[in-house]
């Protein structure tokens, strides 16, 4: 479960970074 949460946070960071 922790790994899934980590992956979700990472994808969000990458997504936000792409917007910039």
N, C-alpha and C. Protein backbone atom coordinates (compact mmCIF):
# COMPACT_ATOMS: atom_id res chain seq x y z
N UNK A 1 0.84 -1.20 0.00
CA UNK A 1 0.00 0.00 0.00
C UNK A 1 0.88 1.25 0.00
N UNK A 2 1.91 1.23 0.79
CA UNK A 2 2.78 2.40 0.84
C UNK A 2 3.38 2.68 -0.53
N UNK A 3 3.75 1.59 -1.22
CA UNK A 3 4.37 1.77 -2.53
C UNK A 3 3.38 2.44 -3.49
N UNK A 4 2.12 2.02 -3.42
CA UNK A 4 1.11 2.60 -4.30
C UNK A 4 0.94 4.08 -4.00
N UNK A 5 0.89 4.43 -2.72
CA UNK A 5 0.73 5.82 -2.34
C UNK A 5 1.91 6.63 -2.84
N UNK A 6 3.10 6.08 -2.69
CA UNK A 6 4.30 6.77 -3.15
C UNK A 6 4.22 7.01 -4.65
N UNK A 7 3.81 6.00 -5.38
CA UNK A 7 3.70 6.14 -6.83
C UNK A 7 2.69 7.22 -7.20
N UNK A 8 1.60 7.27 -6.47
CA UNK A 8 0.57 8.27 -6.74
C UNK A 8 1.14 9.67 -6.52
N UNK A 9 1.85 9.87 -5.43
CA UNK A 9 2.43 11.18 -5.14
C UNK A 9 3.45 11.55 -6.21
N UNK A 10 4.24 10.58 -6.65
CA UNK A 10 5.26 10.85 -7.66
C UNK A 10 4.60 11.26 -8.96
N UNK A 11 3.55 10.53 -9.37
CA UNK A 11 2.86 10.87 -10.62
C UNK A 11 2.29 12.28 -10.52
N UNK A 12 1.76 12.64 -9.36
CA UNK A 12 1.19 13.98 -9.21
C UNK A 12 2.28 15.04 -9.36
N UNK A 13 3.44 14.80 -8.74
CA UNK A 13 4.53 15.76 -8.83
C UNK A 13 4.98 15.91 -10.28
N UNK A 14 5.08 14.79 -10.99
CA UNK A 14 5.50 14.84 -12.39
C UNK A 14 4.45 15.59 -13.21
N UNK A 15 3.18 15.35 -12.92
CA UNK A 15 2.10 16.02 -13.65
C UNK A 15 2.17 17.53 -13.41
N UNK A 16 2.32 17.94 -12.16
CA UNK A 16 2.41 19.37 -11.85
C UNK A 16 3.64 19.97 -12.51
N UNK A 17 4.74 19.23 -12.53
CA UNK A 17 5.97 19.73 -13.15
C UNK A 17 5.75 19.93 -14.65
N UNK A 18 4.99 19.04 -15.26
CA UNK A 18 4.73 19.14 -16.70
C UNK A 18 3.92 20.39 -17.01
N UNK A 19 3.06 20.79 -16.09
CA UNK A 19 2.23 21.97 -16.34
C UNK A 19 3.07 23.24 -16.39
N UNK A 20 4.16 23.26 -15.68
CA UNK A 20 4.98 24.47 -15.62
C UNK A 20 5.76 24.71 -16.89
